Amino acid sequence: MDKCAIFIDGGYFSKVLKNEFDLPRIDYLKLSENISKGYKRTRTYYYNCMPYKSDPPTIEEKKRFDDMQRFIESLKKLPNFEIRLGKLKKRHDEKGNIYFVQKGVDILLAVDLIRLGRKGRIDYAILVTGDNDFVPVIKTVKDEGVIIYLYSSHASKIGELRKICDQCFFLDRDLINNSRQE
């Protein structure tokens, strides 16, 4: 049976769930099983950052951080799941407005994808993302013979990413409903 690994861009997937599906509670093992049908799933990798927490944290920041910590711990208990966390950096724009940027998340995903592809540990890579920055790494892994499947939102403006992947699927209501926690 062909082997696959699943790579979930957690920040992207969370935004899709919020913006398009009213934040359903997802069973990530079910999601992994639903998108890896027909393949032996060797592992699911989940990439994200912990929320920002000031020093001392506000009540809201502490709650958001604690909720994410519980979520990450629940993912760690799932069979064949790996969690990769980058860092969240606080930034200010030219008007002094605060915003946050994930650092290291894309690199963590790229390193895992190349490592598994080059060592022949997977035949298929299934990505849940909407980031055109992955185009070069996908080209590299495809050169190693890995078939790339992409799951993304209808709303994502990622024409280049969709063109480079071998098959593209949408994160649609059926997939989301079939992956809900019971």
N, C-alpha and C. Protein backbone atom coordinates (compact mmCIF):
# COMPACT_ATOMS: atom_id res chain seq x y z
N MET A 1 0.85 -1.18 0.00
CA MET A 1 0.00 0.00 0.00
C MET A 1 0.89 1.24 0.00
N ASP A 2 0.52 2.21 -0.82
CA ASP A 2 1.28 3.46 -0.89
C ASP A 2 1.20 4.21 0.43
N LYS A 3 2.33 4.85 0.79
CA LYS A 3 2.43 5.59 2.05
C LYS A 3 2.23 7.08 1.81
N CYS A 4 1.56 7.72 2.76
CA CYS A 4 1.39 9.17 2.68
C CYS A 4 1.66 9.80 4.03
N ALA A 5 1.97 11.07 3.99
CA ALA A 5 2.04 11.90 5.19
C ALA A 5 1.17 13.12 4.94
N ILE A 6 0.57 13.60 6.00
CA ILE A 6 -0.31 14.76 5.92
C ILE A 6 0.38 15.93 6.63
N PHE A 7 0.33 17.10 6.00
CA PHE A 7 0.97 18.30 6.51
C PHE A 7 -0.11 19.37 6.64
N ILE A 8 -0.48 19.72 7.87
CA ILE A 8 -1.55 20.68 8.13
C ILE A 8 -0.96 22.00 8.60
N ASP A 9 -1.18 23.04 7.82
CA ASP A 9 -0.83 24.40 8.20
C ASP A 9 -1.95 24.87 9.14
N GLY A 10 -1.71 24.75 10.45
CA GLY A 10 -2.74 24.99 11.45
C GLY A 10 -3.30 26.40 11.44
N GLY A 11 -2.46 27.40 11.24
CA GLY A 11 -2.94 28.77 11.20
C GLY A 11 -3.90 28.98 10.04
N TYR A 12 -3.53 28.46 8.88
CA TYR A 12 -4.38 28.55 7.69
C TYR A 12 -5.69 27.81 7.92
N PHE A 13 -5.60 26.56 8.37
CA PHE A 13 -6.79 25.74 8.55
C PHE A 13 -7.74 26.37 9.57
N SER A 14 -7.19 26.93 10.64
CA SER A 14 -8.03 27.60 11.64
C SER A 14 -8.79 28.78 11.04
N LYS A 15 -8.13 29.56 10.19
CA LYS A 15 -8.80 30.69 9.54
C LYS A 15 -9.91 30.22 8.62
N VAL A 16 -9.67 29.15 7.88
CA VAL A 16 -10.70 28.61 7.00
C VAL A 16 -11.90 28.14 7.83
N LEU A 17 -11.62 27.42 8.92
CA LEU A 17 -12.71 26.95 9.78
C LEU A 17 -13.52 28.11 10.33
N LYS A 18 -12.84 29.18 10.73
CA LYS A 18 -13.52 30.34 11.29
C LYS A 18 -14.31 31.10 10.23
N ASN A 19 -13.66 31.39 9.10
CA ASN A 19 -14.26 32.26 8.09
C ASN A 19 -15.32 31.57 7.22
N GLU A 20 -15.22 30.26 7.06
CA GLU A 20 -16.11 29.59 6.13
C GLU A 20 -17.05 28.56 6.76
N PHE A 21 -16.73 28.11 7.99
CA PHE A 21 -17.53 27.03 8.57
C PHE A 21 -17.97 27.29 10.00
N ASP A 22 -17.88 28.51 10.49
CA ASP A 22 -18.33 28.89 11.83
C ASP A 22 -17.67 28.10 12.95
N LEU A 23 -16.39 27.82 12.82
CA LEU A 23 -15.55 27.19 13.84
C LEU A 23 -16.07 25.86 14.39
N PRO A 24 -16.28 24.88 13.54
CA PRO A 24 -16.68 23.57 14.08
C PRO A 24 -15.52 22.94 14.83
N ARG A 25 -15.83 22.06 15.77
CA ARG A 25 -14.79 21.32 16.49
C ARG A 25 -14.41 20.13 15.61
N ILE A 26 -13.16 20.09 15.22
CA ILE A 26 -12.68 19.07 14.29
C ILE A 26 -11.97 17.95 15.04
N ASP A 27 -12.24 16.73 14.64
CA ASP A 27 -11.50 15.56 15.10
C ASP A 27 -10.37 15.37 14.08
N TYR A 28 -9.16 15.71 14.47
CA TYR A 28 -8.04 15.71 13.53
C TYR A 28 -7.65 14.31 13.08
N LEU A 29 -7.93 13.30 13.87
CA LEU A 29 -7.70 11.94 13.41
C LEU A 29 -8.69 11.58 12.30
N LYS A 30 -9.96 11.94 12.49
CA LYS A 30 -10.96 11.71 11.44
C LYS A 30 -10.59 12.48 10.17
N LEU A 31 -10.19 13.73 10.34
CA LEU A 31 -9.79 14.53 9.18
C LEU A 31 -8.66 13.83 8.43
N SER A 32 -7.66 13.37 9.17
CA SER A 32 -6.53 12.68 8.56
C SER A 32 -6.97 11.43 7.82
N GLU A 33 -7.86 10.67 8.44
CA GLU A 33 -8.37 9.45 7.80
C GLU A 33 -9.19 9.79 6.56
N ASN A 34 -9.97 10.85 6.62
CA ASN A 34 -10.80 11.24 5.49
C ASN A 34 -9.98 11.68 4.28
N ILE A 35 -8.88 12.37 4.50
CA ILE A 35 -8.11 12.86 3.35
C ILE A 35 -7.01 11.91 2.92
N SER A 36 -6.79 10.84 3.68
CA SER A 36 -5.75 9.87 3.29
C SER A 36 -6.34 8.54 2.83
N LYS A 37 -7.61 8.52 2.50
CA LYS A 37 -8.28 7.27 2.09
C LYS A 37 -7.51 6.59 0.96
N GLY A 38 -7.30 5.29 1.13
CA GLY A 38 -6.61 4.52 0.11
C GLY A 38 -5.10 4.46 0.28
N TYR A 39 -4.57 5.21 1.23
CA TYR A 39 -3.13 5.22 1.48
C TYR A 39 -2.86 4.88 2.93
N LYS A 40 -1.67 4.36 3.18
CA LYS A 40 -1.23 4.12 4.55
C LYS A 40 -0.67 5.43 5.09
N ARG A 41 -1.37 6.01 6.05
CA ARG A 41 -0.91 7.28 6.65
C ARG A 41 0.21 6.97 7.63
N THR A 42 1.40 7.42 7.28
CA THR A 42 2.53 7.19 8.19
C THR A 42 2.52 8.18 9.34
N ARG A 43 2.09 9.41 9.06
CA ARG A 43 2.10 10.43 10.09
C ARG A 43 1.32 11.65 9.61
N THR A 44 0.74 12.36 10.57
CA THR A 44 0.16 13.67 10.32
C THR A 44 0.99 14.68 11.08
N TYR A 45 1.43 15.70 10.38
CA TYR A 45 2.21 16.79 10.97
C TYR A 45 1.30 18.02 11.06
N TYR A 46 1.28 18.63 12.24
CA TYR A 46 0.49 19.83 12.47
C TYR A 46 1.44 20.97 12.81
N TYR A 47 1.33 22.08 12.08
CA TYR A 47 2.23 23.23 12.23
C TYR A 47 1.44 24.45 12.67
N ASN A 48 1.95 25.14 13.69
CA ASN A 48 1.30 26.36 14.15
C ASN A 48 2.22 27.07 15.12
N CYS A 49 1.70 28.09 15.78
CA CYS A 49 2.41 28.82 16.84
C CYS A 49 1.48 28.92 18.04
N MET A 50 2.08 29.02 19.19
CA MET A 50 1.29 29.32 20.39
C MET A 50 0.89 30.80 20.32
N PRO A 51 -0.27 31.15 20.87
CA PRO A 51 -0.70 32.55 20.85
C PRO A 51 0.25 33.45 21.64
N TYR A 52 0.20 34.71 21.30
CA TYR A 52 1.03 35.69 22.00
C TYR A 52 0.55 35.86 23.43
N LYS A 53 1.53 36.00 24.33
CA LYS A 53 1.24 36.23 25.74
C LYS A 53 2.19 37.32 26.22
N SER A 54 1.63 38.46 26.64
CA SER A 54 2.48 39.52 27.17
C SER A 54 2.94 39.16 28.58
N ASP A 55 3.82 39.98 29.16
CA ASP A 55 4.34 39.70 30.49
C ASP A 55 4.06 40.92 31.38
N PRO A 56 3.11 40.85 32.26
CA PRO A 56 2.23 39.71 32.57
C PRO A 56 1.11 39.62 31.53
N PRO A 57 0.58 38.41 31.32
CA PRO A 57 -0.47 38.25 30.32
C PRO A 57 -1.81 38.80 30.80
N THR A 58 -2.60 39.25 29.85
CA THR A 58 -3.97 39.64 30.19
C THR A 58 -4.77 38.35 30.43
N ILE A 59 -5.94 38.49 31.00
CA ILE A 59 -6.81 37.33 31.22
C ILE A 59 -7.14 36.66 29.88
N GLU A 60 -7.44 37.47 28.89
CA GLU A 60 -7.79 36.95 27.56
C GLU A 60 -6.60 36.21 26.93
N GLU A 61 -5.40 36.80 27.05
CA GLU A 61 -4.20 36.14 26.50
C GLU A 61 -3.94 34.81 27.20
N LYS A 62 -4.07 34.80 28.51
CA LYS A 62 -3.85 33.56 29.27
C LYS A 62 -4.85 32.48 28.86
N LYS A 63 -6.12 32.85 28.71
CA LYS A 63 -7.14 31.89 28.30
C LYS A 63 -6.83 31.35 26.90
N ARG A 64 -6.51 32.23 25.97
CA ARG A 64 -6.20 31.82 24.60
C ARG A 64 -5.00 30.89 24.58
N PHE A 65 -3.97 31.21 25.35
CA PHE A 65 -2.76 30.39 25.43
C PHE A 65 -3.08 29.02 26.05
N ASP A 66 -3.81 29.02 27.16
CA ASP A 66 -4.17 27.76 27.83
C ASP A 66 -5.04 26.87 26.95
N ASP A 67 -5.99 27.49 26.21
CA ASP A 67 -6.83 26.72 25.29
C ASP A 67 -5.99 26.07 24.19
N MET A 68 -5.05 26.81 23.66
CA MET A 68 -4.18 26.27 22.61
C MET A 68 -3.29 25.16 23.17
N GLN A 69 -2.81 25.35 24.39
CA GLN A 69 -1.97 24.33 25.02
C GLN A 69 -2.74 23.02 25.18
N ARG A 70 -4.01 23.11 25.62
CA ARG A 70 -4.85 21.91 25.75
C ARG A 70 -5.07 21.25 24.39
N PHE A 71 -5.31 22.07 23.37
CA PHE A 71 -5.51 21.55 22.02
C PHE A 71 -4.25 20.81 21.53
N ILE A 72 -3.09 21.42 21.71
CA ILE A 72 -1.83 20.80 21.29
C ILE A 72 -1.61 19.48 22.04
N GLU A 73 -1.87 19.48 23.33
CA GLU A 73 -1.71 18.25 24.12
C GLU A 73 -2.66 17.16 23.63
N SER A 74 -3.87 17.54 23.23
CA SER A 74 -4.81 16.54 22.71
C SER A 74 -4.32 15.97 21.39
N LEU A 75 -3.72 16.79 20.54
CA LEU A 75 -3.17 16.30 19.27
C LEU A 75 -2.01 15.34 19.50
N LYS A 76 -1.19 15.64 20.49
CA LYS A 76 -0.03 14.78 20.80
C LYS A 76 -0.45 13.37 21.19
N LYS A 77 -1.66 13.22 21.70
CA LYS A 77 -2.15 11.90 22.12
C LYS A 77 -2.66 11.05 20.96
N LEU A 78 -2.86 11.67 19.80
CA LEU A 78 -3.39 10.94 18.65
C LEU A 78 -2.29 10.07 18.03
N PRO A 79 -2.68 8.91 17.49
CA PRO A 79 -1.66 8.03 16.90
C PRO A 79 -1.04 8.63 15.64
N ASN A 80 0.28 8.56 15.60
CA ASN A 80 1.06 9.02 14.43
C ASN A 80 0.86 10.51 14.13
N PHE A 81 0.82 11.31 15.17
CA PHE A 81 0.74 12.76 15.02
C PHE A 81 2.01 13.40 15.55
N GLU A 82 2.49 14.40 14.85
CA GLU A 82 3.64 15.19 15.29
C GLU A 82 3.24 16.66 15.26
N ILE A 83 3.64 17.38 16.27
CA ILE A 83 3.34 18.80 16.38
C ILE A 83 4.63 19.58 16.18
N ARG A 84 4.58 20.56 15.32
CA ARG A 84 5.73 21.43 15.07
C ARG A 84 5.28 22.87 15.33
N LEU A 85 5.94 23.52 16.29
CA LEU A 85 5.55 24.88 16.66
C LEU A 85 6.65 25.88 16.31
N GLY A 86 6.24 26.92 15.61
CA GLY A 86 7.12 28.04 15.35
C GLY A 86 6.95 29.07 16.46
N LYS A 87 7.36 30.27 16.18
CA LYS A 87 7.25 31.36 17.16
C LYS A 87 6.34 32.45 16.59
N LEU A 88 5.61 33.10 17.47
CA LEU A 88 4.77 34.22 17.08
C LEU A 88 5.49 35.50 17.51
N LYS A 89 5.69 36.40 16.56
CA LYS A 89 6.40 37.65 16.83
C LYS A 89 5.44 38.82 16.73
N LYS A 90 5.56 39.73 17.68
CA LYS A 90 4.75 40.94 17.71
C LYS A 90 5.43 42.00 16.85
N ARG A 91 4.67 42.63 15.99
CA ARG A 91 5.19 43.66 15.10
C ARG A 91 4.29 44.89 15.15
N HIS A 92 4.82 46.01 14.67
CA HIS A 92 4.06 47.26 14.55
C HIS A 92 4.16 47.74 13.11
N ASP A 93 3.03 48.18 12.56
CA ASP A 93 3.07 48.73 11.21
C ASP A 93 3.48 50.20 11.28
N GLU A 94 3.51 50.85 10.13
CA GLU A 94 3.96 52.25 10.07
C GLU A 94 3.05 53.20 10.83
N LYS A 95 1.82 52.80 11.11
CA LYS A 95 0.89 53.63 11.88
C LYS A 95 0.89 53.28 13.36
N GLY A 96 1.74 52.34 13.76
CA GLY A 96 1.82 51.95 15.15
C GLY A 96 0.85 50.84 15.55
N ASN A 97 0.09 50.33 14.59
CA ASN A 97 -0.84 49.24 14.89
C ASN A 97 -0.06 47.95 15.12
N ILE A 98 -0.53 47.16 16.06
CA ILE A 98 0.12 45.90 16.40
C ILE A 98 -0.44 44.77 15.54
N TYR A 99 0.46 43.91 15.07
CA TYR A 99 0.04 42.69 14.39
C TYR A 99 1.05 41.61 14.73
N PHE A 100 0.72 40.38 14.41
CA PHE A 100 1.57 39.24 14.77
C PHE A 100 1.94 38.46 13.51
N VAL A 101 3.16 37.93 13.52
CA VAL A 101 3.68 37.19 12.38
C VAL A 101 4.21 35.85 12.88
N GLN A 102 3.82 34.77 12.18
CA GLN A 102 4.39 33.46 12.49
C GLN A 102 5.79 33.40 11.92
N LYS A 103 6.72 32.88 12.69
CA LYS A 103 8.09 32.71 12.23
C LYS A 103 8.48 31.25 12.36
N GLY A 104 9.04 30.70 11.31
CA GLY A 104 9.58 29.35 11.34
C GLY A 104 8.61 28.25 10.95
N VAL A 105 7.33 28.54 10.88
CA VAL A 105 6.33 27.50 10.61
C VAL A 105 6.51 26.93 9.20
N ASP A 106 6.61 27.79 8.20
CA ASP A 106 6.77 27.32 6.82
C ASP A 106 8.06 26.52 6.65
N ILE A 107 9.12 26.95 7.31
CA ILE A 107 10.40 26.24 7.22
C ILE A 107 10.29 24.85 7.84
N LEU A 108 9.61 24.75 8.98
CA LEU A 108 9.43 23.44 9.61
C LEU A 108 8.71 22.48 8.67
N LEU A 109 7.64 22.96 8.03
CA LEU A 109 6.89 22.12 7.09
C LEU A 109 7.77 21.75 5.90
N ALA A 110 8.48 22.72 5.35
CA ALA A 110 9.34 22.45 4.19
C ALA A 110 10.41 21.42 4.50
N VAL A 111 11.05 21.53 5.65
CA VAL A 111 12.10 20.59 6.04
C VAL A 111 11.52 19.19 6.17
N ASP A 112 10.38 19.04 6.83
CA ASP A 112 9.76 17.72 6.97
C ASP A 112 9.39 17.14 5.61
N LEU A 113 8.81 17.94 4.75
CA LEU A 113 8.39 17.48 3.43
C LEU A 113 9.58 17.01 2.60
N ILE A 114 10.64 17.78 2.58
CA ILE A 114 11.84 17.40 1.82
C ILE A 114 12.49 16.17 2.43
N ARG A 115 12.61 16.14 3.74
CA ARG A 115 13.25 15.00 4.42
C ARG A 115 12.54 13.69 4.10
N LEU A 116 11.23 13.69 4.21
CA LEU A 116 10.46 12.47 3.95
C LEU A 116 10.50 12.09 2.47
N GLY A 117 10.43 13.09 1.61
CA GLY A 117 10.47 12.83 0.17
C GLY A 117 11.81 12.31 -0.30
N ARG A 118 12.87 12.91 0.17
CA ARG A 118 14.22 12.50 -0.26
C ARG A 118 14.60 11.13 0.25
N LYS A 119 14.10 10.77 1.43
CA LYS A 119 14.43 9.46 1.99
C LYS A 119 13.49 8.37 1.48
N GLY A 120 12.54 8.72 0.63
CA GLY A 120 11.61 7.74 0.09
C GLY A 120 10.64 7.17 1.10
N ARG A 121 10.38 7.91 2.16
CA ARG A 121 9.48 7.43 3.22
C ARG A 121 8.00 7.61 2.89
N ILE A 122 7.73 8.44 1.87
CA ILE A 122 6.34 8.65 1.47
C ILE A 122 6.24 8.61 -0.06
N ASP A 123 5.09 8.15 -0.52
CA ASP A 123 4.77 8.18 -1.95
C ASP A 123 3.89 9.38 -2.27
N TYR A 124 3.11 9.80 -1.27
CA TYR A 124 2.17 10.91 -1.41
C TYR A 124 2.33 11.87 -0.24
N ALA A 125 2.24 13.16 -0.55
CA ALA A 125 2.19 14.19 0.49
C ALA A 125 0.86 14.91 0.32
N ILE A 126 0.12 15.01 1.42
CA ILE A 126 -1.18 15.67 1.39
C ILE A 126 -1.05 16.94 2.23
N LEU A 127 -1.15 18.09 1.57
CA LEU A 127 -0.98 19.37 2.24
C LEU A 127 -2.32 20.05 2.44
N VAL A 128 -2.52 20.59 3.64
CA VAL A 128 -3.68 21.42 3.94
C VAL A 128 -3.11 22.81 4.18
N THR A 129 -3.15 23.62 3.14
CA THR A 129 -2.53 24.94 3.22
C THR A 129 -3.08 25.84 2.11
N GLY A 130 -2.72 27.09 2.19
CA GLY A 130 -3.09 28.06 1.17
C GLY A 130 -1.96 29.04 0.96
N ASP A 131 -0.74 28.55 0.98
CA ASP A 131 0.44 29.41 0.97
C ASP A 131 1.29 29.14 -0.27
N ASN A 132 1.33 30.10 -1.17
CA ASN A 132 2.14 29.98 -2.39
C ASN A 132 3.64 29.86 -2.09
N ASP A 133 4.07 30.20 -0.88
CA ASP A 133 5.48 30.07 -0.53
C ASP A 133 5.97 28.63 -0.61
N PHE A 134 5.05 27.67 -0.62
CA PHE A 134 5.44 26.26 -0.67
C PHE A 134 5.74 25.77 -2.09
N VAL A 135 5.53 26.59 -3.10
CA VAL A 135 5.75 26.16 -4.48
C VAL A 135 7.16 25.60 -4.70
N PRO A 136 8.24 26.28 -4.29
CA PRO A 136 9.58 25.72 -4.53
C PRO A 136 9.83 24.38 -3.85
N VAL A 137 9.36 24.22 -2.62
CA VAL A 137 9.57 22.95 -1.92
C VAL A 137 8.75 21.84 -2.57
N ILE A 138 7.57 22.16 -3.04
CA ILE A 138 6.75 21.16 -3.72
C ILE A 138 7.43 20.70 -5.00
N LYS A 139 7.98 21.65 -5.76
CA LYS A 139 8.72 21.27 -6.98
C LYS A 139 9.87 20.33 -6.65
N THR A 140 10.59 20.62 -5.59
CA THR A 140 11.73 19.79 -5.17
C THR A 140 11.28 18.38 -4.81
N VAL A 141 10.21 18.27 -4.05
CA VAL A 141 9.72 16.96 -3.61
C VAL A 141 9.11 16.18 -4.78
N LYS A 142 8.45 16.88 -5.69
CA LYS A 142 7.92 16.20 -6.87
C LYS A 142 9.07 15.61 -7.71
N ASP A 143 10.21 16.29 -7.76
CA ASP A 143 11.38 15.76 -8.47
C ASP A 143 11.88 14.46 -7.86
N GLU A 144 11.55 14.23 -6.58
CA GLU A 144 11.92 12.99 -5.89
C GLU A 144 10.88 11.89 -6.13
N GLY A 145 9.83 12.20 -6.88
CA GLY A 145 8.82 11.21 -7.20
C GLY A 145 7.60 11.20 -6.31
N VAL A 146 7.51 12.15 -5.39
CA VAL A 146 6.36 12.21 -4.48
C VAL A 146 5.20 12.89 -5.20
N ILE A 147 4.02 12.31 -5.07
CA ILE A 147 2.80 12.89 -5.61
C ILE A 147 2.23 13.83 -4.56
N ILE A 148 1.85 15.04 -4.98
CA ILE A 148 1.39 16.07 -4.04
C ILE A 148 -0.10 16.33 -4.23
N TYR A 149 -0.86 16.18 -3.13
CA TYR A 149 -2.27 16.53 -3.09
C TYR A 149 -2.40 17.78 -2.22
N LEU A 150 -3.27 18.67 -2.64
CA LEU A 150 -3.51 19.92 -1.92
C LEU A 150 -4.97 20.00 -1.52
N TYR A 151 -5.21 20.34 -0.26
CA TYR A 151 -6.54 20.69 0.23
C TYR A 151 -6.50 22.16 0.62
N SER A 152 -7.38 22.96 0.00
CA SER A 152 -7.40 24.38 0.31
C SER A 152 -8.82 24.91 0.19
N SER A 153 -8.99 26.14 0.61
CA SER A 153 -10.28 26.81 0.57
C SER A 153 -10.58 27.29 -0.85
N HIS A 154 -11.87 27.35 -1.18
CA HIS A 154 -12.30 27.95 -2.44
C HIS A 154 -11.83 29.41 -2.52
N ALA A 155 -11.80 30.06 -1.37
CA ALA A 155 -11.51 31.49 -1.32
C ALA A 155 -10.02 31.82 -1.42
N SER A 156 -9.16 30.83 -1.26
CA SER A 156 -7.72 31.10 -1.27
C SER A 156 -7.25 31.51 -2.66
N LYS A 157 -6.46 32.55 -2.70
CA LYS A 157 -5.90 33.05 -3.96
C LYS A 157 -4.52 32.43 -4.16
N ILE A 158 -4.52 31.17 -4.57
CA ILE A 158 -3.26 30.42 -4.65
C ILE A 158 -3.13 29.69 -5.98
N GLY A 159 -3.36 30.41 -7.06
CA GLY A 159 -3.32 29.80 -8.38
C GLY A 159 -2.03 29.05 -8.65
N GLU A 160 -0.91 29.64 -8.30
CA GLU A 160 0.39 29.00 -8.56
C GLU A 160 0.53 27.70 -7.77
N LEU A 161 0.09 27.70 -6.53
CA LEU A 161 0.16 26.50 -5.71
C LEU A 161 -0.73 25.40 -6.29
N ARG A 162 -1.94 25.76 -6.69
CA ARG A 162 -2.84 24.77 -7.28
C ARG A 162 -2.28 24.21 -8.58
N LYS A 163 -1.62 25.03 -9.37
CA LYS A 163 -1.06 24.56 -10.64
C LYS A 163 0.06 23.54 -10.45
N ILE A 164 0.87 23.71 -9.42
CA ILE A 164 2.05 22.85 -9.23
C ILE A 164 1.70 21.51 -8.59
N CYS A 165 0.60 21.45 -7.84
CA CYS A 165 0.22 20.20 -7.16
C CYS A 165 -0.38 19.22 -8.16
N ASP A 166 -0.22 17.93 -7.87
CA ASP A 166 -0.72 16.90 -8.78
C ASP A 166 -2.24 16.82 -8.78
N GLN A 167 -2.85 16.97 -7.61
CA GLN A 167 -4.30 17.01 -7.52
C GLN A 167 -4.68 18.01 -6.44
N CYS A 168 -5.78 18.70 -6.68
CA CYS A 168 -6.25 19.70 -5.73
C CYS A 168 -7.69 19.40 -5.33
N PHE A 169 -7.97 19.58 -4.06
CA PHE A 169 -9.29 19.36 -3.51
C PHE A 169 -9.64 20.58 -2.67
N PHE A 170 -10.93 20.80 -2.50
CA PHE A 170 -11.37 21.91 -1.68
C PHE A 170 -11.78 21.43 -0.29
N LEU A 171 -11.52 22.27 0.68
CA LEU A 171 -12.01 22.05 2.03
C LEU A 171 -13.49 22.42 1.97
N ASP A 172 -14.33 21.43 1.73
CA ASP A 172 -15.75 21.71 1.55
C ASP A 172 -16.57 21.25 2.76
N ARG A 173 -17.83 21.59 2.72
CA ARG A 173 -18.72 21.31 3.85
C ARG A 173 -18.80 19.81 4.16
N ASP A 174 -18.81 18.95 3.14
CA ASP A 174 -18.88 17.51 3.37
C ASP A 174 -17.65 17.02 4.14
N LEU A 175 -16.46 17.43 3.71
CA LEU A 175 -15.24 17.03 4.40
C LEU A 175 -15.25 17.51 5.85
N ILE A 176 -15.60 18.76 6.03
CA ILE A 176 -15.61 19.34 7.38
C ILE A 176 -16.66 18.61 8.25
N ASN A 177 -17.86 18.42 7.73
CA ASN A 177 -18.89 17.74 8.52
C ASN A 177 -18.50 16.30 8.85
N ASN A 178 -17.84 15.61 7.94
CA ASN A 178 -17.40 14.23 8.19
C ASN A 178 -16.20 14.15 9.11
N SER A 179 -15.61 15.30 9.43
CA SER A 179 -14.42 15.34 10.30
C SER A 179 -14.72 15.99 11.65
N ARG A 180 -15.97 16.24 11.94
CA ARG A 180 -16.34 16.89 13.21
C ARG A 180 -16.16 15.94 14.39
N GLN A 181 -15.89 16.54 15.54
CA GLN A 181 -15.87 15.77 16.78
C GLN A 181 -17.29 15.39 17.12
N GLU A 182 -17.45 14.21 17.69
CA GLU A 182 -18.80 13.76 18.10
C GLU A 182 -19.07 14.13 19.52
